[in-house]
Amino acid sequence: MNGLKYHCGMNIIIHLKAQEVDMVVQSGGVLLGSSTILPCHINTNDRLSQITWQRTIKGKALDDVFLTIQPTIGPSYSNEKDFRFEFIGNFNNKNGTLNFSDVTLNDEGSYTCIFSLFPSGKQSRVSQLVILVPPITNLMDYTPLEGNEEVPLATCTAAASKPKADVRWIKGSLEGKVREELKETQHANGTTTTWSTLLGKPGREMNGQLVKCVISSEGNGKRFFWLFCCSCIASYMVIAILIINIPSFLISRSPNLYTYNLHLVILLEIQGIWKTSPELFSTQVFISESHIIFVTGVLCLICF
């Protein structure tokens, strides 16, 4: 070959495939109406060309792009600007962190910041946003009549909370004599209303007994306390005592019926104690010859 040397070579073409790496940054719950930080930061020597923010929430398209950040023009909002998002990072430091204020239930979902890097490709960070709603609390008490039937004594309500609130009773001396009945309603917006009703047979021994309704809420990490003093209206007896001589006040007479104008003293038996009414009541009493007494003008007294 006359000293000629041939070199056999091979050209190697390397294809660099852009790889998107997701790192989940789990956010804690955020109170409705408050602010939160959406973190977005990466440590790399690769060149950064753009940071893109997208979200997956109710009422929006999947992976909805709502903000892009570029080195020359800064943050740029897609569609209409949402002033609740504030860029608080630094592009040169590869930090696209946002401050998100006045959050609503519709904002719950995932928020992803995507770094466009060279030569490594795209990398992303995902934050899960969970909205917490504290309950609206209320206590309604009842004043039942004394009896042997089980009836509602009080209802404790934790309305429109997320997640649902825990409602329980501290019954004190009434433990074992009353019970709880729990009901829940889930609303379309993801909140829950919880009712807990205290049931029992109203008796005199319940009067003045203190029970406590405790509502625990993850929405703001607090407990709500409602104090309730049990009470019931005891059955009582009404006795009318005639204090004027009946014959001397005869005002009319008809066949088989005598009518008298009298003053009465009313005695009430409440919880085994006899009490006199504070006033004398004028009324008319009708007495038939068969000794049946009809009293008018005092029957309304059994209502108080």
Protein backbone atom coordinates (compact mmCIF):
# COMPACT_ATOMS: atom_id res chain seq x y z
CA MET A 1 0.00 0.00 0.00
CA ASN A 2 3.06 2.22 -0.43
CA GLY A 3 3.10 3.20 3.20
CA LEU A 4 -0.32 4.70 3.10
CA LYS A 5 -2.30 4.32 6.26
CA TYR A 6 -6.05 4.36 6.35
CA HIS A 7 -7.91 5.43 9.44
CA CYS A 8 -11.36 4.07 9.98
CA GLY A 9 -13.37 6.51 12.12
CA MET A 10 -16.92 6.70 13.52
CA ASN A 11 -19.02 9.78 14.09
CA ILE A 12 -21.01 9.54 17.33
CA ILE A 13 -24.13 11.69 17.58
CA ILE A 14 -25.43 12.16 21.11
CA HIS A 15 -29.13 13.08 21.54
CA LEU A 16 -29.78 14.96 24.75
CA LYS A 17 -33.37 14.34 25.83
CA ALA A 18 -34.98 17.00 27.95
CA GLN A 19 -36.25 15.43 31.14
CA GLU A 20 -38.90 16.92 33.39
CA VAL A 21 -38.44 16.06 37.03
CA ASP A 22 -41.29 16.70 39.43
CA MET A 23 -40.56 17.35 43.07
CA VAL A 24 -43.59 17.60 45.30
CA VAL A 25 -43.53 20.33 47.91
CA GLN A 26 -46.39 19.48 50.27
CA SER A 27 -48.02 22.63 51.56
CA GLY A 28 -49.95 22.75 54.79
CA GLY A 29 -53.54 23.87 55.03
CA VAL A 30 -54.28 27.52 54.39
CA LEU A 31 -57.06 29.37 56.17
CA LEU A 32 -59.80 30.75 53.94
CA GLY A 33 -59.13 34.40 53.08
CA SER A 34 -55.51 34.35 54.26
CA SER A 35 -52.17 34.36 52.38
CA THR A 36 -49.69 31.61 51.60
CA ILE A 37 -46.30 31.16 49.94
CA LEU A 38 -45.96 29.04 46.79
CA PRO A 39 -42.27 28.02 46.86
CA CYS A 40 -40.30 27.72 43.62
CA HIS A 41 -36.51 27.41 43.81
CA ILE A 42 -33.84 25.22 42.27
CA ASN A 43 -30.08 24.79 42.78
CA THR A 44 -28.30 24.21 39.47
CA ASN A 45 -25.59 25.69 37.27
CA ASP A 46 -27.70 25.22 34.14
CA ARG A 47 -28.85 28.27 32.24
CA LEU A 48 -32.43 29.31 33.07
CA SER A 49 -34.50 30.79 30.26
CA GLN A 50 -38.02 30.87 31.76
CA ILE A 51 -40.11 30.00 34.80
CA THR A 52 -43.69 28.92 34.12
CA TRP A 53 -46.48 28.67 36.68
CA GLN A 54 -49.47 26.42 36.03
CA ARG A 55 -52.31 25.13 38.20
CA THR A 56 -54.91 22.40 38.31
CA ILE A 57 -57.96 23.66 40.19
CA LYS A 58 -61.74 23.51 39.98
CA GLY A 59 -63.21 25.53 37.12
CA LYS A 60 -59.94 25.79 35.16
CA ALA A 61 -58.45 23.75 32.34
CA LEU A 62 -56.01 21.01 33.31
CA ASP A 63 -52.52 22.48 33.86
CA ASP A 64 -53.75 26.03 33.28
CA VAL A 65 -50.77 28.36 32.69
CA PHE A 66 -51.40 31.59 34.57
CA LEU A 67 -47.96 33.19 34.88
CA THR A 68 -44.57 33.16 33.11
CA ILE A 69 -41.37 34.82 34.30
CA GLN A 70 -38.54 35.75 31.90
CA PRO A 71 -35.20 37.45 32.58
CA THR A 72 -35.84 40.53 30.43
CA ILE A 73 -39.56 41.28 30.88
CA GLY A 74 -40.18 39.77 34.31
CA PRO A 75 -43.56 38.25 35.26
CA SER A 76 -46.24 38.09 32.59
CA TYR A 77 -49.81 37.01 33.38
CA SER A 78 -51.85 34.86 31.04
CA ASN A 79 -55.33 36.12 30.20
CA GLU A 80 -56.36 38.65 32.85
CA LYS A 81 -54.01 39.56 35.67
CA ASP A 82 -54.77 38.09 39.06
CA PHE A 83 -53.36 40.60 41.52
CA ARG A 84 -53.49 38.03 44.30
CA PHE A 85 -50.28 36.47 42.92
CA GLU A 86 -47.16 38.48 43.73
CA PHE A 87 -43.72 37.49 42.43
CA ILE A 88 -41.36 37.67 45.42
CA GLY A 89 -38.49 35.57 44.02
CA ASN A 90 -35.40 36.46 42.01
CA PHE A 91 -34.95 35.15 38.48
CA ASN A 92 -31.14 35.39 38.60
CA ASN A 93 -31.18 33.20 41.70
CA LYS A 94 -33.48 30.73 39.94
CA ASN A 95 -36.24 31.55 42.40
CA GLY A 96 -39.81 31.94 41.14
CA THR A 97 -41.59 31.97 44.51
CA LEU A 98 -45.03 33.61 44.68
CA ASN A 99 -47.04 35.14 47.49
CA PHE A 100 -50.69 34.16 47.07
CA SER A 101 -53.22 36.26 49.04
CA ASP A 102 -56.96 36.15 49.79
CA VAL A 103 -57.36 32.47 48.94
CA THR A 104 -60.83 31.03 48.28
CA LEU A 105 -62.26 27.53 48.19
CA ASN A 106 -62.02 27.56 44.38
CA ASP A 107 -58.23 28.01 44.64
CA GLU A 108 -57.71 24.57 46.16
CA GLY A 109 -55.58 22.26 44.02
CA SER A 110 -52.02 21.84 42.74
CA TYR A 111 -49.65 24.63 41.69
CA THR A 112 -46.58 23.78 39.60
CA CYS A 113 -43.58 25.95 38.76
CA ILE A 114 -41.55 24.73 35.78
CA PHE A 115 -37.91 25.70 35.18
CA SER A 116 -36.79 25.74 31.53
CA LEU A 117 -33.09 24.84 31.81
CA PHE A 118 -30.25 24.16 29.40
CA PRO A 119 -28.94 21.63 28.88
CA SER A 120 -30.81 19.51 31.44
CA GLY A 121 -34.31 20.41 30.21
CA LYS A 122 -37.34 21.09 32.36
CA GLN A 123 -37.66 20.56 36.06
CA SER A 124 -40.65 21.38 38.21
CA ARG A 125 -41.86 21.84 41.75
CA VAL A 126 -45.43 21.04 42.79
CA SER A 127 -47.28 22.54 45.76
CA GLN A 128 -50.59 21.12 46.98
CA LEU A 129 -52.87 23.84 48.31
CA VAL A 130 -55.55 22.79 50.80
CA ILE A 131 -58.06 25.40 52.00
CA LEU A 132 -59.29 25.23 55.60
CA VAL A 133 -62.55 26.82 56.71
CA PRO A 134 -63.36 27.36 60.42
CA PRO A 135 -66.96 26.61 61.46
CA ILE A 136 -69.71 29.05 62.30
CA THR A 137 -70.82 27.89 65.75
CA ASN A 138 -74.15 28.13 67.50
CA LEU A 139 -76.00 26.63 70.47
CA MET A 140 -79.78 26.36 70.62
CA ASP A 141 -81.33 25.29 73.89
CA TYR A 142 -84.86 24.15 74.56
CA THR A 143 -87.05 24.34 77.66
CA PRO A 144 -89.14 21.17 77.55
CA LEU A 145 -91.93 20.18 79.87
CA GLU A 146 -91.17 17.60 82.50
CA GLY A 147 -92.07 14.15 81.27
CA ASN A 148 -91.05 10.57 80.55
CA GLU A 149 -90.54 10.99 76.81
CA GLU A 150 -87.06 11.58 75.36
CA VAL A 151 -86.92 15.05 73.81
CA PRO A 152 -84.21 17.44 72.53
CA LEU A 153 -82.54 19.48 75.28
CA ALA A 154 -80.03 21.43 73.18
CA THR A 155 -78.46 21.43 69.71
CA CYS A 156 -74.86 22.43 69.05
CA THR A 157 -74.01 23.41 65.46
CA ALA A 158 -70.73 23.73 63.57
CA ALA A 159 -71.71 25.13 60.17
CA ALA A 160 -69.82 25.22 56.85
CA SER A 161 -66.43 23.98 58.04
CA LYS A 162 -63.64 22.27 56.08
CA PRO A 163 -62.70 19.72 57.05
CA LYS A 164 -65.72 18.86 59.14
CA ALA A 165 -65.56 19.90 62.77
CA ASP A 166 -65.72 17.52 65.72
CA VAL A 167 -68.70 18.22 68.00
CA ARG A 168 -69.04 16.52 71.37
CA TRP A 169 -70.64 17.07 74.76
CA ILE A 170 -69.13 17.06 78.24
CA LYS A 171 -72.16 15.98 80.25
CA GLY A 172 -70.89 16.19 83.80
CA SER A 173 -73.43 14.88 86.33
CA LEU A 174 -75.84 14.01 83.50
CA GLU A 175 -73.51 11.37 82.07
CA GLY A 176 -75.59 8.26 81.38
CA LYS A 177 -78.86 10.18 81.64
CA VAL A 178 -78.64 11.92 78.27
CA ARG A 179 -77.33 10.91 74.86
CA GLU A 180 -76.03 12.59 71.69
CA GLU A 181 -77.43 12.39 68.17
CA LEU A 182 -75.12 13.50 65.34
CA LYS A 183 -76.16 14.66 61.86
CA GLU A 184 -74.04 15.95 58.98
CA THR A 185 -74.67 17.66 55.67
CA GLN A 186 -72.00 18.02 52.98
CA HIS A 187 -72.25 21.10 50.78
CA ALA A 188 -71.30 21.46 47.11
CA ASN A 189 -68.36 23.74 47.94
CA GLY A 190 -66.69 21.03 50.02
CA THR A 191 -67.70 22.29 53.46
CA THR A 192 -69.71 20.33 56.03
CA THR A 193 -72.31 21.33 58.61
CA THR A 194 -72.50 19.19 61.74
CA TRP A 195 -75.34 19.15 64.27
CA SER A 196 -75.12 17.39 67.62
CA THR A 197 -78.36 17.22 69.61
CA LEU A 198 -78.47 16.36 73.30
CA LEU A 199 -81.47 14.16 74.09
CA GLY A 200 -82.96 13.10 77.38
CA LYS A 201 -86.06 12.73 79.52
CA PRO A 202 -86.60 16.12 81.17
CA GLY A 203 -86.85 15.80 84.93
CA ARG A 204 -86.49 18.07 87.92
CA GLU A 205 -83.04 16.68 88.70
CA MET A 206 -81.78 18.20 85.43
CA ASN A 207 -82.55 21.76 86.42
CA GLY A 208 -79.40 23.80 86.93
CA GLN A 209 -77.04 21.05 85.71
CA LEU A 210 -74.20 22.37 83.56
CA VAL A 211 -73.15 20.67 80.33
CA LYS A 212 -70.59 21.84 77.79
CA CYS A 213 -70.53 21.61 74.00
CA VAL A 214 -67.00 21.38 72.61
CA ILE A 215 -66.35 22.08 68.91
CA SER A 216 -62.86 21.23 67.65
CA SER A 217 -61.84 22.67 64.28
CA GLU A 218 -58.79 21.93 62.16
CA GLY A 219 -59.76 25.04 60.20
CA ASN A 220 -57.97 27.29 62.68
CA GLY A 221 -56.68 24.82 65.25
CA LYS A 222 -59.01 26.17 67.93
CA ARG A 223 -61.71 24.79 70.18
CA PHE A 224 -65.04 26.48 70.73
CA PHE A 225 -66.85 26.02 74.04
CA TRP A 226 -70.56 26.54 74.63
CA LEU A 227 -71.92 26.31 78.18
CA PHE A 228 -75.50 25.17 78.60
CA CYS A 229 -77.50 25.08 81.83
CA CYS A 230 -80.24 22.47 81.67
CA SER A 231 -83.75 23.57 82.57
CA CYS A 232 -87.23 22.20 82.19
CA ILE A 233 -90.69 23.38 83.14
CA ALA A 234 -92.04 21.19 85.90
CA SER A 235 -95.65 20.14 85.84
CA TYR A 236 -97.62 22.03 88.44
CA MET A 237 -101.06 22.24 90.01
CA VAL A 238 -103.24 25.32 90.18
CA ILE A 239 -105.62 25.72 93.10
CA ALA A 240 -108.05 28.61 93.39
CA ILE A 241 -108.94 29.47 96.97
CA LEU A 242 -112.12 31.46 97.46
CA ILE A 243 -111.48 34.14 100.05
CA ILE A 244 -114.86 35.89 99.88
CA ASN A 245 -118.09 34.50 101.23
CA ILE A 246 -119.85 33.17 98.14
CA PRO A 247 -123.50 33.95 99.02
CA SER A 248 -122.76 37.61 99.72
CA PHE A 249 -121.54 38.16 96.18
CA LEU A 250 -124.34 36.54 94.24
CA ILE A 251 -124.85 38.73 91.15
CA SER A 252 -127.24 36.61 89.09
CA ARG A 253 -129.20 33.42 89.14
CA SER A 254 -130.54 31.33 86.34
CA PRO A 255 -132.09 27.86 86.33
CA ASN A 256 -129.64 25.42 87.85
CA LEU A 257 -126.76 27.96 87.77
CA TYR A 258 -125.56 30.58 90.25
CA THR A 259 -123.05 33.30 89.22
CA TYR A 260 -120.74 34.96 91.78
CA ASN A 261 -118.22 37.79 91.44
CA LEU A 262 -115.19 36.74 93.50
CA HIS A 263 -111.54 37.39 94.22
CA LEU A 264 -109.19 34.41 94.05
CA VAL A 265 -105.77 33.58 95.38
CA ILE A 266 -103.86 31.27 93.07
CA LEU A 267 -101.50 28.69 94.51
CA LEU A 268 -98.94 26.98 92.28
CA GLU A 269 -97.16 23.76 93.08
CA ILE A 270 -93.78 23.91 91.33
CA GLN A 271 -91.14 21.28 92.04
CA GLY A 272 -92.91 20.28 95.23
CA ILE A 273 -93.05 23.84 96.57
CA TRP A 274 -96.29 25.74 96.97
CA LYS A 275 -96.10 29.34 95.80
CA THR A 276 -98.73 32.06 96.05
CA SER A 277 -99.46 34.23 93.06
CA PRO A 278 -98.26 37.82 93.57
CA GLU A 279 -101.68 39.32 92.94
CA LEU A 280 -105.35 38.70 93.56
CA PHE A 281 -107.31 38.00 90.43
CA SER A 282 -110.89 39.11 89.92
CA THR A 283 -113.01 36.61 88.09
CA GLN A 284 -116.41 35.03 87.96
CA VAL A 285 -117.22 31.60 89.28
CA PHE A 286 -120.20 29.64 88.07
CA ILE A 287 -121.53 26.98 90.43
CA SER A 288 -124.24 24.66 89.28
CA GLU A 289 -126.65 22.87 91.59
CA SER A 290 -124.71 19.68 90.90
CA HIS A 291 -121.71 21.38 92.60
CA ILE A 292 -119.58 21.52 89.40
CA ILE A 293 -117.42 24.66 89.52
CA PHE A 294 -116.55 26.64 86.35
CA VAL A 295 -113.87 29.32 86.68
CA THR A 296 -113.27 31.99 84.03
CA GLY A 297 -110.37 34.42 83.77
CA VAL A 298 -107.78 32.31 85.55
CA LEU A 299 -107.16 29.38 83.24
CA CYS A 300 -104.52 31.35 81.40
CA LEU A 301 -102.42 31.24 84.56
CA ILE A 302 -101.33 27.69 83.79
CA CYS A 303 -99.39 29.07 80.82
CA PHE A 304 -96.71 30.88 82.81
